[in-house]
Amino acid sequence: MSPQQTIATNTANSEKHTTLEAAIAAADLEEVLSAEGPFTVFAPSDIAFEKLSNEKIIELLQPQNKKNLKTLITYHMVAGNFSASKILKAMCRGKGSASFTTVQGDKLVATMSGIDIVLTDSNGNTAKITTADSLQSNGVIHEIDSVFLPGKP
């Protein structure tokens, strides 16, 4: 990923985020993720999307589900530029945890598990940051190993 490019451009060019790129396109969020930002995106890799059924992925990418897909993508975005070190500092101030409000409006809580930063959504689902601090011209991407599905557990 090139730090001179936007989140939208780098995601589109990434071989590890083809499903996420398809979701961003289907949700019409390329313009938002090309904007100045800054944004922090907790980006599920293709391996993370493979944890969902093919039927679920196909369902999400259907045009009639655009609103749900937009909600899903914005559930993985936080306004602001939060590097791993900023997340860790926030956890230190929070005595081991830090809460971040997603663009969708829900909370993600960051904690440590060994040497890993783990995010937990409001439904109790977790994702580990597998690759941190991919700098972008309009923010930062942290690759995660699971997809958060917003809504009731």
Protein backbone atom coordinates (compact mmCIF):
# COMPACT_ATOMS: atom_id res chain seq x y z
CA MET A 1 0.00 0.00 0.00
CA SER A 2 1.23 3.43 -0.89
CA PRO A 3 1.04 6.16 1.78
CA GLN A 4 0.56 8.69 -1.03
CA GLN A 5 -2.72 7.04 -2.08
CA THR A 6 -6.15 7.14 -0.44
CA ILE A 7 -7.81 4.33 1.48
CA ALA A 8 -10.13 3.74 -1.50
CA THR A 9 -7.28 3.53 -4.02
CA ASN A 10 -5.06 1.30 -1.88
CA THR A 11 -7.94 -1.04 -1.05
CA ALA A 12 -8.80 -1.30 -4.74
CA ASN A 13 -5.17 -2.18 -5.53
CA SER A 14 -4.74 -4.66 -2.66
CA GLU A 15 -4.66 -8.37 -3.46
CA LYS A 16 -5.62 -9.14 0.17
CA HIS A 17 -8.79 -7.02 0.24
CA THR A 18 -10.73 -7.89 -2.93
CA THR A 19 -13.96 -8.68 -1.06
CA LEU A 20 -13.70 -5.48 0.98
CA GLU A 21 -13.09 -3.50 -2.21
CA ALA A 22 -16.16 -5.09 -3.82
CA ALA A 23 -18.17 -4.19 -0.71
CA ILE A 24 -16.92 -0.58 -0.73
CA ALA A 25 -17.87 -0.28 -4.41
CA ALA A 26 -21.30 -1.91 -3.93
CA ALA A 27 -22.01 0.44 -0.99
CA ASP A 28 -20.93 3.50 -3.04
CA LEU A 29 -18.32 4.46 -0.44
CA GLU A 30 -15.34 5.00 -2.80
CA GLU A 31 -15.90 8.76 -2.77
CA VAL A 32 -16.04 8.89 1.04
CA LEU A 33 -12.87 6.80 1.36
CA SER A 34 -11.17 9.02 -1.22
CA ALA A 35 -12.06 12.16 0.74
CA GLU A 36 -9.60 14.02 2.96
CA GLY A 37 -10.61 12.25 6.17
CA PRO A 38 -8.75 11.25 8.20
CA PHE A 39 -10.23 7.80 8.73
CA THR A 40 -9.08 4.70 10.53
CA VAL A 41 -10.33 1.57 8.81
CA PHE A 42 -10.25 -1.81 10.49
CA ALA A 43 -10.12 -3.71 7.21
CA PRO A 44 -11.16 -7.36 7.12
CA SER A 45 -8.88 -9.33 4.82
CA ASP A 46 -10.21 -11.76 2.24
CA ILE A 47 -9.35 -14.53 4.73
CA ALA A 48 -11.60 -12.78 7.29
CA PHE A 49 -14.47 -12.64 4.78
CA GLU A 50 -13.99 -16.37 4.12
CA LYS A 51 -15.23 -16.96 7.69
CA LEU A 52 -18.65 -15.84 6.42
CA SER A 53 -20.64 -18.15 4.18
CA ASN A 54 -20.54 -17.54 0.42
CA GLU A 55 -24.30 -17.06 0.60
CA LYS A 56 -23.91 -14.27 3.18
CA ILE A 57 -21.31 -12.48 1.05
CA ILE A 58 -23.44 -12.79 -2.10
CA GLU A 59 -26.47 -11.55 -0.14
CA LEU A 60 -24.57 -8.52 1.17
CA LEU A 61 -23.35 -7.55 -2.30
CA GLN A 62 -26.86 -7.54 -3.81
CA PRO A 63 -28.05 -4.04 -4.86
CA GLN A 64 -31.14 -4.30 -2.62
CA ASN A 65 -28.83 -4.69 0.39
CA LYS A 66 -26.80 -1.53 -0.26
CA LYS A 67 -27.96 0.11 2.99
CA ASN A 68 -26.94 -2.95 5.07
CA LEU A 69 -23.60 -3.11 3.27
CA LYS A 70 -22.94 0.59 3.92
CA THR A 71 -23.73 -0.04 7.60
CA LEU A 72 -21.30 -2.98 7.64
CA ILE A 73 -18.45 -0.96 6.07
CA THR A 74 -18.97 2.08 8.33
CA TYR A 75 -19.03 -0.32 11.32
CA HIS A 76 -15.32 -0.89 10.52
CA MET A 77 -14.44 2.83 10.23
CA VAL A 78 -13.53 5.41 12.87
CA ALA A 79 -13.22 9.13 12.17
CA GLY A 80 -9.67 10.23 12.90
CA ASN A 81 -6.19 8.84 12.40
CA PHE A 82 -5.55 6.18 15.07
CA SER A 83 -2.20 4.49 14.65
CA ALA A 84 -1.46 1.40 16.73
CA SER A 85 0.61 3.55 19.10
CA LYS A 86 -2.34 5.92 19.61
CA ILE A 87 -4.62 2.96 20.28
CA LEU A 88 -2.09 1.60 22.80
CA LYS A 89 -1.79 5.01 24.51
CA ALA A 90 -5.58 5.22 24.76
CA MET A 91 -5.63 1.72 26.32
CA CYS A 92 -2.99 2.82 28.86
CA ARG A 93 -5.12 5.84 29.80
CA GLY A 94 -8.16 3.54 29.98
CA LYS A 95 -6.46 1.05 32.31
CA GLY A 96 -6.26 -1.65 29.65
CA SER A 97 -9.07 -0.79 27.26
CA ALA A 98 -10.07 2.00 24.92
CA SER A 99 -13.41 2.64 23.23
CA PHE A 100 -13.77 4.05 19.72
CA THR A 101 -17.02 5.16 18.09
CA THR A 102 -17.44 3.91 14.54
CA VAL A 103 -18.76 6.07 11.71
CA GLN A 104 -21.84 3.82 11.88
CA GLY A 105 -22.33 4.98 15.49
CA ASP A 106 -21.54 1.86 17.48
CA LYS A 107 -18.50 1.24 19.70
CA LEU A 108 -15.43 -0.91 19.26
CA VAL A 109 -13.38 -1.62 22.37
CA ALA A 110 -9.65 -2.26 22.04
CA THR A 111 -7.83 -4.49 24.55
CA MET A 112 -4.66 -6.55 24.58
CA SER A 113 -4.35 -10.31 24.32
CA GLY A 114 -0.69 -11.14 24.73
CA ILE A 115 1.02 -8.90 22.17
CA ASP A 116 -2.09 -8.50 19.99
CA ILE A 117 -4.58 -5.64 19.89
CA VAL A 118 -8.05 -7.18 19.91
CA LEU A 119 -11.21 -5.28 19.01
CA THR A 120 -14.59 -6.23 20.45
CA ASP A 121 -17.86 -4.95 19.03
CA SER A 122 -21.06 -4.30 21.02
CA ASN A 123 -22.26 -7.85 20.26
CA GLY A 124 -19.15 -9.39 21.85
CA ASN A 125 -17.56 -10.39 18.54
CA THR A 126 -13.78 -10.03 18.37
CA ALA A 127 -11.17 -9.37 15.70
CA LYS A 128 -7.40 -9.24 16.06
CA ILE A 129 -5.33 -6.62 14.26
CA THR A 130 -3.04 -8.75 12.09
CA THR A 131 -1.29 -5.94 10.21
CA ALA A 132 -1.16 -2.50 11.81
CA ASP A 133 -0.39 0.97 10.55
CA SER A 134 -0.76 0.83 6.77
CA LEU A 135 -0.51 4.59 6.33
CA GLN A 136 -2.73 6.23 3.71
CA SER A 137 -2.93 9.82 2.47
CA ASN A 138 -6.29 10.14 4.26
CA GLY A 139 -5.78 7.96 7.33
CA VAL A 140 -4.64 4.50 8.32
CA ILE A 141 -5.69 0.91 7.69
CA HIS A 142 -5.35 -1.87 10.25
CA GLU A 143 -6.00 -5.30 8.77
CA ILE A 144 -8.18 -7.52 10.98
CA ASP A 145 -8.89 -11.25 10.97
CA SER A 146 -12.70 -11.18 11.28
CA VAL A 147 -15.68 -9.29 9.90
CA PHE A 148 -17.93 -7.45 12.34
CA LEU A 149 -21.62 -7.80 11.50
CA PRO A 150 -23.61 -4.92 12.98
CA GLY A 151 -26.98 -5.52 14.56
CA LYS A 152 -28.41 -7.57 17.35
CA PRO A 153 -26.44 -10.67 18.44
